[in-house]
Amino acid sequence: TWRIGLMGESSQSTHVLLFLAALEQCLLHAGYQLSPGAGVAAANDFYRTTITD
């Protein structure tokens, strides 16, 4: 079991998206089956629909 936390500077959307992309690559390399790009796409959808300027 492990935990990942993003706080302060690292919680900016660009950092979150970069982290999700890197995590996805690590999981794929470790043999997990997942839909490439799904996590980043879901996060982008969230940011697009909930974050306003």
PDB file of N, CA and C in Angstrom:
ATOM      1  N   THR A   1       0.839  -1.178   0.000  1.00  0.00           N
ATOM      2  CA  THR A   1       0.000   0.000   0.000  1.00  0.00           C
ATOM      3  C   THR A   1       0.880   1.236   0.000  1.00  0.00           C
ATOM      4  N   TRP A   2       0.529   2.210  -0.787  1.00  0.00           N
ATOM      5  CA  TRP A   2       1.246   3.474  -0.802  1.00  0.00           C
ATOM      6  C   TRP A   2       0.271   4.600  -1.008  1.00  0.00           C
ATOM      7  N   ARG A   3       0.721   5.748  -0.634  1.00  0.00           N
ATOM      8  CA  ARG A   3      -0.131   6.931  -0.695  1.00  0.00           C
ATOM      9  C   ARG A   3       0.614   8.040  -1.432  1.00  0.00           C
ATOM     10  N   ILE A   4      -0.137   8.789  -2.208  1.00  0.00           N
ATOM     11  CA  ILE A   4       0.439   9.905  -2.950  1.00  0.00           C
ATOM     12  C   ILE A   4      -0.312  11.165  -2.553  1.00  0.00           C
ATOM     13  N   GLY A   5       0.412  12.202  -2.234  1.00  0.00           N
ATOM     14  CA  GLY A   5      -0.228  13.456  -1.882  1.00  0.00           C
ATOM     15  C   GLY A   5       0.339  14.604  -2.701  1.00  0.00           C
ATOM     16  N   LEU A   6      -0.524  15.489  -3.103  1.00  0.00           N
ATOM     17  CA  LEU A   6      -0.118  16.680  -3.840  1.00  0.00           C
ATOM     18  C   LEU A   6      -0.634  17.886  -3.072  1.00  0.00           C
ATOM     19  N   MET A   7       0.284  18.700  -2.596  1.00  0.00           N
ATOM     20  CA  MET A   7      -0.092  19.874  -1.807  1.00  0.00           C
ATOM     21  C   MET A   7       0.689  21.089  -2.299  1.00  0.00           C
ATOM     22  N   GLY A   8       0.170  22.257  -2.022  1.00  0.00           N
ATOM     23  CA  GLY A   8       0.886  23.490  -2.339  1.00  0.00           C
ATOM     24  C   GLY A   8       1.207  23.609  -3.812  1.00  0.00           C
ATOM     25  N   GLU A   9       2.452  23.942  -4.100  1.00  0.00           N
ATOM     26  CA  GLU A   9       2.924  24.136  -5.480  1.00  0.00           C
ATOM     27  C   GLU A   9       2.644  22.913  -6.354  1.00  0.00           C
ATOM     28  N   SER A  10       2.819  21.720  -5.794  1.00  0.00           N
ATOM     29  CA  SER A  10       2.650  20.509  -6.602  1.00  0.00           C
ATOM     30  C   SER A  10       1.197  20.201  -6.937  1.00  0.00           C
ATOM     31  N   SER A  11       0.257  20.921  -6.341  1.00  0.00           N
ATOM     32  CA  SER A  11      -1.154  20.646  -6.625  1.00  0.00           C
ATOM     33  C   SER A  11      -1.712  21.468  -7.788  1.00  0.00           C
ATOM     34  N   GLN A  12      -0.858  22.219  -8.463  1.00  0.00           N
ATOM     35  CA  GLN A  12      -1.304  22.952  -9.649  1.00  0.00           C
ATOM     36  C   GLN A  12      -1.678  21.954 -10.744  1.00  0.00           C
ATOM     37  N   SER A  13      -2.636  22.312 -11.555  1.00  0.00           N
ATOM     38  CA  SER A  13      -3.150  21.372 -12.555  1.00  0.00           C
ATOM     39  C   SER A  13      -2.060  20.822 -13.472  1.00  0.00           C
ATOM     40  N   THR A  14      -1.118  21.642 -13.875  1.00  0.00           N
ATOM     41  CA  THR A  14      -0.061  21.139 -14.764  1.00  0.00           C
ATOM     42  C   THR A  14       0.774  20.061 -14.076  1.00  0.00           C
ATOM     43  N   HIS A  15       1.027  20.218 -12.793  1.00  0.00           N
ATOM     44  CA  HIS A  15       1.808  19.230 -12.044  1.00  0.00           C
ATOM     45  C   HIS A  15       0.995  17.954 -11.845  1.00  0.00           C
ATOM     46  N   VAL A  16      -0.297  18.102 -11.569  1.00  0.00           N
ATOM     47  CA  VAL A  16      -1.165  16.937 -11.392  1.00  0.00           C
ATOM     48  C   VAL A  16      -1.228  16.132 -12.689  1.00  0.00           C
ATOM     49  N   LEU A  17      -1.394  16.804 -13.808  1.00  0.00           N
ATOM     50  CA  LEU A  17      -1.469  16.114 -15.094  1.00  0.00           C
ATOM     51  C   LEU A  17      -0.156  15.412 -15.427  1.00  0.00           C
ATOM     52  N   LEU A  18       0.950  16.057 -15.152  1.00  0.00           N
ATOM     53  CA  LEU A  18       2.254  15.437 -15.383  1.00  0.00           C
ATOM     54  C   LEU A  18       2.423  14.210 -14.500  1.00  0.00           C
ATOM     55  N   PHE A  19       2.031  14.334 -13.240  1.00  0.00           N
ATOM     56  CA  PHE A  19       2.126  13.201 -12.325  1.00  0.00           C
ATOM     57  C   PHE A  19       1.270  12.032 -12.806  1.00  0.00           C
ATOM     58  N   LEU A  20       0.030  12.308 -13.201  1.00  0.00           N
ATOM     59  CA  LEU A  20      -0.854  11.236 -13.661  1.00  0.00           C
ATOM     60  C   LEU A  20      -0.279  10.528 -14.883  1.00  0.00           C
ATOM     61  N   ALA A  21       0.294  11.287 -15.797  1.00  0.00           N
ATOM     62  CA  ALA A  21       0.901  10.688 -16.991  1.00  0.00           C
ATOM     63  C   ALA A  21       2.085   9.800 -16.608  1.00  0.00           C
ATOM     64  N   ALA A  22       2.910  10.261 -15.678  1.00  0.00           N
ATOM     65  CA  ALA A  22       4.064   9.473 -15.240  1.00  0.00           C
ATOM     66  C   ALA A  22       3.615   8.220 -14.491  1.00  0.00           C
ATOM     67  N   LEU A  23       2.621   8.358 -13.626  1.00  0.00           N
ATOM     68  CA  LEU A  23       2.104   7.205 -12.886  1.00  0.00           C
ATOM     69  C   LEU A  23       1.545   6.161 -13.847  1.00  0.00           C
ATOM     70  N   GLU A  24       0.836   6.628 -14.843  1.00  0.00           N
ATOM     71  CA  GLU A  24       0.294   5.713 -15.841  1.00  0.00           C
ATOM     72  C   GLU A  24       1.412   4.918 -16.512  1.00  0.00           C
ATOM     73  N   GLN A  25       2.481   5.587 -16.889  1.00  0.00           N
ATOM     74  CA  GLN A  25       3.598   4.894 -17.531  1.00  0.00           C
ATOM     75  C   GLN A  25       4.238   3.876 -16.591  1.00  0.00           C
ATOM     76  N   CYS A  26       4.375   4.231 -15.324  1.00  0.00           N
ATOM     77  CA  CYS A  26       4.934   3.298 -14.333  1.00  0.00           C
ATOM     78  C   CYS A  26       4.049   2.066 -14.191  1.00  0.00           C
ATOM     79  N   LEU A  27       2.745   2.275 -14.114  1.00  0.00           N
ATOM     80  CA  LEU A  27       1.814   1.154 -13.966  1.00  0.00           C
ATOM     81  C   LEU A  27       1.820   0.263 -15.204  1.00  0.00           C
ATOM     82  N   LEU A  28       1.862   0.863 -16.377  1.00  0.00           N
ATOM     83  CA  LEU A  28       1.945   0.080 -17.611  1.00  0.00           C
ATOM     84  C   LEU A  28       3.224  -0.747 -17.637  1.00  0.00           C
ATOM     85  N   HIS A  29       4.325  -0.138 -17.251  1.00  0.00           N
ATOM     86  CA  HIS A  29       5.616  -0.834 -17.214  1.00  0.00           C
ATOM     87  C   HIS A  29       5.586  -1.996 -16.222  1.00  0.00           C
ATOM     88  N   ALA A  30       4.826  -1.837 -15.138  1.00  0.00           N
ATOM     89  CA  ALA A  30       4.720  -2.878 -14.116  1.00  0.00           C
ATOM     90  C   ALA A  30       3.731  -3.975 -14.505  1.00  0.00           C
ATOM     91  N   GLY A  31       3.079  -3.822 -15.654  1.00  0.00           N
ATOM     92  CA  GLY A  31       2.197  -4.860 -16.146  1.00  0.00           C
ATOM     93  C   GLY A  31       0.718  -4.670 -15.884  1.00  0.00           C
ATOM     94  N   TYR A  32       0.353  -3.538 -15.318  1.00  0.00           N
ATOM     95  CA  TYR A  32      -1.069  -3.270 -15.095  1.00  0.00           C
ATOM     96  C   TYR A  32      -1.751  -2.993 -16.427  1.00  0.00           C
ATOM     97  N   GLN A  33      -2.972  -3.453 -16.554  1.00  0.00           N
ATOM     98  CA  GLN A  33      -3.743  -3.180 -17.758  1.00  0.00           C
ATOM     99  C   GLN A  33      -4.631  -1.974 -17.489  1.00  0.00           C
ATOM    100  N   LEU A  34      -4.477  -0.966 -18.298  1.00  0.00           N
ATOM    101  CA  LEU A  34      -5.275   0.245 -18.162  1.00  0.00           C
ATOM    102  C   LEU A  34      -5.400   0.906 -19.512  1.00  0.00           C
ATOM    103  N   SER A  35      -6.305   1.837 -19.593  1.00  0.00           N
ATOM    104  CA  SER A  35      -6.508   2.569 -20.847  1.00  0.00           C
ATOM    105  C   SER A  35      -5.549   3.750 -20.885  1.00  0.00           C
ATOM    106  N   PRO A  36      -4.532   3.705 -21.746  1.00  0.00           N
ATOM    107  CA  PRO A  36      -3.570   4.802 -21.804  1.00  0.00           C
ATOM    108  C   PRO A  36      -4.246   6.149 -22.042  1.00  0.00           C
ATOM    109  N   GLY A  37      -3.911   7.113 -21.210  1.00  0.00           N
ATOM    110  CA  GLY A  37      -4.441   8.459 -21.343  1.00  0.00           C
ATOM    111  C   GLY A  37      -5.743   8.706 -20.606  1.00  0.00           C
ATOM    112  N   ALA A  38      -6.356   7.660 -20.050  1.00  0.00           N
ATOM    113  CA  ALA A  38      -7.665   7.815 -19.404  1.00  0.00           C
ATOM    114  C   ALA A  38      -7.597   8.698 -18.164  1.00  0.00           C
ATOM    115  N   GLY A  39      -6.552   8.551 -17.368  1.00  0.00           N
ATOM    116  CA  GLY A  39      -6.432   9.358 -16.150  1.00  0.00           C
ATOM    117  C   GLY A  39      -6.242  10.832 -16.458  1.00  0.00           C
ATOM    118  N   VAL A  40      -5.383  11.126 -17.398  1.00  0.00           N
ATOM    119  CA  VAL A  40      -5.141  12.513 -17.790  1.00  0.00           C
ATOM    120  C   VAL A  40      -6.396  13.103 -18.428  1.00  0.00           C
ATOM    121  N   ALA A  41      -7.078  12.317 -19.247  1.00  0.00           N
ATOM    122  CA  ALA A  41      -8.314  12.797 -19.878  1.00  0.00           C
ATOM    123  C   ALA A  41      -9.379  13.100 -18.830  1.00  0.00           C
ATOM    124  N   ALA A  42      -9.510  12.229 -17.832  1.00  0.00           N
ATOM    125  CA  ALA A  42     -10.500  12.452 -16.775  1.00  0.00           C
ATOM    126  C   ALA A  42     -10.160  13.695 -15.967  1.00  0.00           C
ATOM    127  N   ALA A  43      -8.882  13.883 -15.667  1.00  0.00           N
ATOM    128  CA  ALA A  43      -8.470  15.074 -14.920  1.00  0.00           C
ATOM    129  C   ALA A  43      -8.711  16.335 -15.748  1.00  0.00           C
ATOM    130  N   ASN A  44      -8.405  16.281 -17.039  1.00  0.00           N
ATOM    131  CA  ASN A  44      -8.666  17.433 -17.914  1.00  0.00           C
ATOM    132  C   ASN A  44     -10.153  17.755 -17.962  1.00  0.00           C
ATOM    133  N   ASP A  45     -10.987  16.733 -18.038  1.00  0.00           N
ATOM    134  CA  ASP A  45     -12.440  16.955 -18.026  1.00  0.00           C
ATOM    135  C   ASP A  45     -12.862  17.628 -16.728  1.00  0.00           C
ATOM    136  N   PHE A  46     -12.313  17.159 -15.613  1.00  0.00           N
ATOM    137  CA  PHE A  46     -12.630  17.756 -14.318  1.00  0.00           C
ATOM    138  C   PHE A  46     -12.233  19.228 -14.294  1.00  0.00           C
ATOM    139  N   TYR A  47     -11.004  19.520 -14.689  1.00  0.00           N
ATOM    140  CA  TYR A  47     -10.534  20.908 -14.680  1.00  0.00           C
ATOM    141  C   TYR A  47     -11.372  21.783 -15.618  1.00  0.00           C
ATOM    142  N   ARG A  48     -11.713  21.241 -16.769  1.00  0.00           N
ATOM    143  CA  ARG A  48     -12.474  22.007 -17.759  1.00  0.00           C
ATOM    144  C   ARG A  48     -13.887  22.323 -17.260  1.00  0.00           C
ATOM    145  N   THR A  49     -14.495  21.418 -16.506  1.00  0.00           N
ATOM    146  CA  THR A  49     -15.884  21.611 -16.082  1.00  0.00           C
ATOM    147  C   THR A  49     -16.043  22.229 -14.703  1.00  0.00           C
ATOM    148  N   THR A  50     -14.987  22.255 -13.899  1.00  0.00           N
ATOM    149  CA  THR A  50     -15.147  22.759 -12.530  1.00  0.00           C
ATOM    150  C   THR A  50     -14.319  23.987 -12.206  1.00  0.00           C
ATOM    151  N   ILE A  51     -13.246  24.201 -12.920  1.00  0.00           N
ATOM    152  CA  ILE A  51     -12.351  25.320 -12.621  1.00  0.00           C
ATOM    153  C   ILE A  51     -12.702  26.495 -13.527  1.00  0.00           C
ATOM    154  N   THR A  52     -12.949  27.646 -12.932  1.00  0.00           N
ATOM    155  CA  THR A  52     -13.219  28.856 -13.713  1.00  0.00           C
ATOM    156  C   THR A  52     -12.189  29.916 -13.360  1.00  0.00           C
ATOM    157  N   ASP A  53     -11.936  30.799 -14.281  1.00  0.00           N
ATOM    158  CA  ASP A  53     -10.969  31.882 -14.044  1.00  0.00           C
ATOM    159  C   ASP A  53     -11.585  32.990 -13.232  1.00  0.00           C
TER     160      ASP A  53
END
